[in-house]
N, C-alpha and C. Protein backbone atom coordinates (compact mmCIF):
# COMPACT_ATOMS: atom_id res chain seq x y z
N MET A 1 -231.35 -16.19 -128.34
CA MET A 1 -231.50 -17.48 -127.54
C MET A 1 -230.53 -17.29 -126.75
N ALA A 2 -230.81 -17.90 -125.50
CA ALA A 2 -229.83 -18.30 -124.10
C ALA A 2 -228.91 -19.32 -124.51
N THR A 3 -227.45 -18.94 -124.42
CA THR A 3 -226.72 -19.96 -124.23
C THR A 3 -226.29 -20.92 -122.81
N THR A 4 -225.87 -21.93 -123.42
CA THR A 4 -225.72 -23.09 -122.01
C THR A 4 -224.49 -23.49 -122.18
N ILE A 5 -223.62 -23.86 -120.89
CA ILE A 5 -222.50 -24.12 -120.78
C ILE A 5 -222.44 -25.19 -120.00
N ARG A 6 -222.05 -26.47 -120.46
CA ARG A 6 -221.73 -27.51 -119.26
C ARG A 6 -220.56 -27.56 -119.12
N PRO A 7 -220.15 -27.63 -117.50
CA PRO A 7 -218.69 -27.84 -117.68
C PRO A 7 -218.45 -29.25 -117.47
N LEU A 8 -216.93 -29.68 -117.71
CA LEU A 8 -216.53 -30.92 -117.94
C LEU A 8 -215.78 -31.29 -117.01
N GLY A 9 -215.72 -32.71 -116.66
CA GLY A 9 -214.91 -33.17 -115.54
C GLY A 9 -215.65 -32.73 -114.35
N THR A 10 -214.70 -32.25 -113.53
CA THR A 10 -215.08 -32.01 -111.86
C THR A 10 -215.38 -30.42 -111.56
N ARG A 11 -215.70 -29.48 -112.95
CA ARG A 11 -215.73 -28.34 -112.98
C ARG A 11 -217.14 -27.98 -112.60
N VAL A 12 -217.32 -26.74 -111.76
CA VAL A 12 -218.63 -26.18 -111.51
C VAL A 12 -218.69 -24.98 -111.96
N LEU A 13 -220.23 -24.58 -112.72
CA LEU A 13 -220.51 -23.42 -112.96
C LEU A 13 -221.24 -22.48 -111.85
N VAL A 14 -220.67 -21.34 -112.00
CA VAL A 14 -221.12 -20.74 -110.56
C VAL A 14 -221.49 -18.93 -111.30
N LYS A 15 -222.46 -18.65 -110.46
CA LYS A 15 -222.30 -16.72 -110.46
C LYS A 15 -222.36 -16.64 -109.26
N ARG A 16 -221.10 -15.30 -108.94
CA ARG A 16 -221.17 -14.84 -108.03
C ARG A 16 -222.54 -13.97 -107.25
N ILE A 17 -222.69 -13.78 -106.17
CA ILE A 17 -223.71 -13.10 -105.49
C ILE A 17 -223.29 -11.86 -105.39
N GLU A 18 -223.34 -10.71 -105.83
CA GLU A 18 -223.12 -9.69 -105.82
C GLU A 18 -223.44 -8.71 -104.68
N ASP A 19 -222.94 -8.33 -103.83
CA ASP A 19 -223.51 -7.23 -103.12
C ASP A 19 -223.85 -6.15 -103.12
N ASP A 20 -224.83 -5.53 -102.71
CA ASP A 20 -225.84 -4.00 -103.17
C ASP A 20 -224.93 -3.07 -101.97
N GLU A 21 -223.94 -3.17 -101.44
CA GLU A 21 -223.57 -2.18 -100.89
C GLU A 21 -222.48 -1.39 -101.55
N GLN A 22 -222.64 -0.37 -101.66
CA GLN A 22 -221.96 0.45 -102.76
C GLN A 22 -220.91 1.81 -102.01
N LYS A 23 -220.82 1.74 -100.80
CA LYS A 23 -220.13 2.67 -99.86
C LYS A 23 -219.01 2.18 -98.82
N SER A 24 -218.08 2.91 -98.54
CA SER A 24 -217.56 2.07 -97.40
C SER A 24 -217.98 2.38 -96.01
N GLU A 25 -217.43 2.03 -95.18
CA GLU A 25 -218.14 1.88 -93.74
C GLU A 25 -217.93 3.62 -93.21
N GLY A 26 -217.31 4.52 -93.84
CA GLY A 26 -217.20 5.57 -93.37
C GLY A 26 -218.00 6.62 -94.58
N GLY A 27 -218.71 6.30 -95.20
CA GLY A 27 -219.62 6.69 -96.16
C GLY A 27 -218.98 6.99 -97.36
N ILE A 28 -218.03 6.59 -97.61
CA ILE A 28 -217.39 7.14 -99.08
C ILE A 28 -217.79 5.80 -99.87
N PHE A 29 -218.52 6.46 -101.20
CA PHE A 29 -218.59 5.56 -102.62
C PHE A 29 -217.76 4.90 -103.31
N LEU A 30 -217.55 3.47 -103.25
CA LEU A 30 -216.52 3.20 -103.42
C LEU A 30 -216.94 2.27 -105.35
N PRO A 31 -215.89 2.68 -106.16
CA PRO A 31 -215.89 2.50 -107.58
C PRO A 31 -215.82 0.96 -108.06
N ASP A 32 -216.10 0.28 -108.66
CA ASP A 32 -216.35 -1.21 -108.68
C ASP A 32 -214.71 -1.56 -108.79
N SER A 33 -213.95 -0.94 -109.58
CA SER A 33 -212.52 -1.27 -109.25
C SER A 33 -211.78 -1.65 -107.93
N ALA A 34 -212.86 -0.99 -106.51
CA ALA A 34 -211.77 -0.86 -105.39
C ALA A 34 -212.52 -1.96 -104.69
N LYS A 35 -213.72 -2.49 -104.97
CA LYS A 35 -214.45 -3.58 -104.91
C LYS A 35 -213.56 -4.91 -104.48
N GLU A 36 -213.95 -5.54 -103.36
CA GLU A 36 -213.23 -6.83 -104.02
C GLU A 36 -214.26 -7.94 -104.69
N LYS A 37 -213.83 -8.90 -105.25
CA LYS A 37 -215.13 -10.18 -105.91
C LYS A 37 -215.55 -10.70 -104.52
N PRO A 38 -216.88 -10.65 -104.73
CA PRO A 38 -217.33 -11.50 -103.48
C PRO A 38 -217.37 -12.92 -103.51
N GLN A 39 -217.31 -13.69 -102.32
CA GLN A 39 -216.69 -15.05 -102.32
C GLN A 39 -217.94 -16.18 -102.26
N ASP A 40 -219.34 -15.55 -102.14
CA ASP A 40 -220.52 -15.78 -101.97
C ASP A 40 -221.02 -16.16 -103.85
N ALA A 41 -221.46 -17.44 -103.97
CA ALA A 41 -222.10 -17.71 -105.16
C ALA A 41 -223.07 -18.82 -105.26
N THR A 42 -223.94 -18.75 -106.56
CA THR A 42 -224.74 -19.82 -106.62
C THR A 42 -224.42 -20.73 -107.71
N VAL A 43 -224.69 -22.35 -107.54
CA VAL A 43 -224.11 -22.87 -108.63
C VAL A 43 -225.14 -22.97 -109.56
N ILE A 44 -224.88 -22.84 -110.95
CA ILE A 44 -225.90 -22.75 -111.91
C ILE A 44 -225.65 -24.15 -112.52
N ALA A 45 -224.31 -24.98 -112.76
CA ALA A 45 -224.48 -26.08 -113.45
C ALA A 45 -223.22 -27.06 -112.84
N LEU A 46 -223.24 -28.08 -112.97
CA LEU A 46 -222.43 -29.02 -112.76
C LEU A 46 -221.57 -29.79 -114.06
N GLY A 47 -220.43 -30.83 -113.83
CA GLY A 47 -219.42 -30.60 -115.08
C GLY A 47 -220.40 -32.51 -115.10
N THR A 48 -219.28 -33.18 -115.96
CA THR A 48 -219.72 -34.46 -116.26
C THR A 48 -219.53 -35.24 -115.19
N GLY A 49 -218.71 -35.16 -114.24
CA GLY A 49 -218.27 -35.57 -113.40
C GLY A 49 -217.94 -37.18 -113.14
N LYS A 50 -216.39 -36.70 -114.22
CA LYS A 50 -215.93 -37.75 -114.37
C LYS A 50 -213.96 -37.34 -114.21
N ASP A 51 -213.29 -37.97 -113.64
CA ASP A 51 -212.09 -37.88 -113.31
C ASP A 51 -211.02 -37.64 -114.05
N GLU A 52 -209.58 -37.63 -114.60
CA GLU A 52 -208.95 -37.81 -115.70
C GLU A 52 -209.07 -38.90 -116.27
N ASP A 53 -208.97 -40.22 -115.22
CA ASP A 53 -209.00 -41.55 -115.80
C ASP A 53 -210.48 -41.94 -116.35
N GLY A 54 -211.54 -41.08 -115.81
CA GLY A 54 -213.13 -41.51 -116.28
C GLY A 54 -213.96 -42.34 -115.40
N LYS A 55 -213.44 -42.16 -114.07
CA LYS A 55 -213.90 -43.10 -113.17
C LYS A 55 -214.83 -41.90 -112.95
N GLU A 56 -216.42 -42.23 -112.27
CA GLU A 56 -217.57 -41.34 -112.27
C GLU A 56 -217.27 -40.83 -110.80
N ILE A 57 -217.37 -39.46 -110.43
CA ILE A 57 -217.16 -38.91 -109.28
C ILE A 57 -218.64 -38.11 -108.87
N GLU A 58 -218.86 -38.51 -107.75
CA GLU A 58 -220.33 -37.76 -107.06
C GLU A 58 -219.83 -36.77 -106.75
N PHE A 59 -220.73 -35.36 -107.45
CA PHE A 59 -220.40 -34.09 -106.71
C PHE A 59 -220.88 -33.95 -105.37
N THR A 60 -220.16 -33.01 -104.41
CA THR A 60 -220.70 -32.98 -103.13
C THR A 60 -221.98 -31.54 -103.27
N VAL A 61 -221.72 -31.02 -104.13
CA VAL A 61 -222.68 -29.78 -104.25
C VAL A 61 -223.68 -30.23 -105.31
N LYS A 62 -225.19 -29.44 -105.57
CA LYS A 62 -225.74 -29.69 -106.48
C LYS A 62 -226.23 -27.98 -107.27
N VAL A 63 -227.03 -28.20 -108.30
CA VAL A 63 -227.35 -26.89 -108.68
C VAL A 63 -228.19 -26.12 -107.73
N GLY A 64 -228.05 -25.15 -107.68
CA GLY A 64 -229.07 -24.09 -106.59
C GLY A 64 -228.57 -23.67 -105.19
N ASP A 65 -227.32 -24.84 -104.97
CA ASP A 65 -226.33 -24.04 -103.71
C ASP A 65 -225.74 -23.03 -103.80
N LYS A 66 -226.08 -22.28 -102.64
CA LYS A 66 -225.08 -21.33 -102.44
C LYS A 66 -223.90 -21.57 -101.61
N VAL A 67 -223.04 -21.43 -102.35
CA VAL A 67 -221.48 -21.78 -101.90
C VAL A 67 -220.40 -20.55 -101.66
N LEU A 68 -219.37 -20.70 -101.06
CA LEU A 68 -217.90 -20.31 -100.88
C LEU A 68 -217.24 -20.74 -101.57
N ILE A 69 -216.41 -19.76 -102.37
CA ILE A 69 -215.48 -20.23 -103.28
C ILE A 69 -213.88 -19.19 -102.71
N SER A 70 -212.94 -19.79 -103.17
CA SER A 70 -211.71 -19.13 -102.76
C SER A 70 -211.75 -17.87 -103.82
N LYS A 71 -210.87 -17.04 -103.21
CA LYS A 71 -210.91 -15.75 -104.06
C LYS A 71 -210.19 -15.56 -105.23
N TYR A 72 -209.57 -16.07 -105.51
CA TYR A 72 -208.59 -16.50 -106.99
C TYR A 72 -209.14 -17.42 -107.89
N GLY A 73 -209.66 -18.44 -107.02
CA GLY A 73 -209.98 -19.85 -108.25
C GLY A 73 -210.48 -19.33 -109.24
N GLY A 74 -210.53 -20.31 -110.19
CA GLY A 74 -211.25 -20.36 -111.57
C GLY A 74 -211.24 -19.26 -112.42
N THR A 75 -211.90 -19.64 -113.74
CA THR A 75 -211.80 -18.84 -114.63
C THR A 75 -213.36 -17.78 -115.15
N ASP A 76 -213.08 -16.84 -115.11
CA ASP A 76 -214.23 -15.67 -115.42
C ASP A 76 -214.64 -15.89 -116.75
N VAL A 77 -216.16 -16.02 -116.92
CA VAL A 77 -216.58 -16.02 -118.25
C VAL A 77 -217.80 -15.43 -118.28
N LYS A 78 -218.26 -14.79 -119.61
CA LYS A 78 -219.41 -14.00 -119.48
C LYS A 78 -220.35 -14.78 -120.29
N ILE A 79 -221.84 -14.89 -119.92
CA ILE A 79 -222.59 -16.00 -120.69
C ILE A 79 -223.98 -14.84 -120.84
N ASP A 80 -224.41 -14.71 -121.83
CA ASP A 80 -225.18 -13.91 -122.14
C ASP A 80 -225.41 -12.54 -121.19
N GLY A 81 -224.17 -12.00 -120.87
CA GLY A 81 -223.95 -10.86 -120.84
C GLY A 81 -223.85 -10.91 -119.03
N GLU A 82 -223.91 -11.92 -118.11
CA GLU A 82 -223.68 -11.88 -117.09
C GLU A 82 -222.49 -12.62 -116.69
N GLU A 83 -221.66 -12.24 -115.91
CA GLU A 83 -220.47 -12.84 -115.11
C GLU A 83 -220.45 -13.85 -114.39
N CYS A 84 -220.07 -14.78 -114.58
CA CYS A 84 -219.95 -16.25 -114.12
C CYS A 84 -218.48 -16.70 -114.04
N LEU A 85 -218.47 -18.10 -113.30
CA LEU A 85 -217.16 -18.47 -113.17
C LEU A 85 -217.04 -19.79 -113.14
N ILE A 86 -215.91 -20.57 -113.81
CA ILE A 86 -215.96 -21.87 -113.87
C ILE A 86 -214.73 -22.41 -113.09
N LEU A 87 -215.09 -23.14 -112.12
CA LEU A 87 -214.01 -23.69 -111.02
C LEU A 87 -214.07 -25.20 -110.98
N ASN A 88 -212.89 -25.60 -110.35
CA ASN A 88 -213.01 -26.92 -110.09
C ASN A 88 -213.84 -27.10 -108.97
N GLU A 89 -214.32 -28.02 -108.38
CA GLU A 89 -214.86 -28.30 -107.02
C GLU A 89 -214.20 -28.31 -105.90
N MET A 90 -213.14 -28.54 -106.44
CA MET A 90 -211.98 -28.29 -105.38
C MET A 90 -211.93 -26.97 -104.99
N ASP A 91 -212.28 -26.14 -105.46
CA ASP A 91 -211.86 -24.63 -105.62
C ASP A 91 -213.41 -23.64 -104.44
N ILE A 92 -214.34 -24.88 -104.07
CA ILE A 92 -215.33 -24.79 -103.47
C ILE A 92 -215.21 -24.72 -101.85
N LEU A 93 -215.06 -23.52 -101.03
CA LEU A 93 -214.76 -24.09 -99.57
C LEU A 93 -215.66 -24.54 -98.94
N GLY A 94 -217.13 -24.23 -99.27
CA GLY A 94 -218.30 -24.59 -98.32
C GLY A 94 -219.62 -24.38 -98.85
N ILE A 95 -220.22 -25.13 -98.15
CA ILE A 95 -221.68 -24.80 -98.89
C ILE A 95 -222.67 -23.59 -97.54
N ILE A 96 -223.02 -22.97 -98.11
CA ILE A 96 -223.66 -21.74 -96.97
C ILE A 96 -225.02 -22.13 -96.93
N GLU A 97 -225.36 -22.59 -95.72
CA GLU A 97 -226.69 -23.30 -94.86
C GLU A 97 -227.11 -22.32 -94.29
N GLY A 98 -228.58 -22.18 -94.32
CA GLY A 98 -229.20 -21.37 -93.73
C GLY A 98 -229.84 -19.66 -93.98
């Protein structure tokens, strides 16, 4: 059975887009602990769209958008064995187009 998570408020659930490159420019293979986490992600789910006062807020992003996220924002979660991230829409730096 697949687990579904619907974020609350202005939070967004994203999945990082993993870089397939496993070695450095000099040809040295890098372990996972030495690699930086990617900042590109795909939006998986949106929150309820309400702020702390209960006012409706329209999201700028939509499900399926490729976005650029801050390096250290959000909370890592594991859903059905996949690494995902829940963060506030404010932690999304931009939408990747093209």
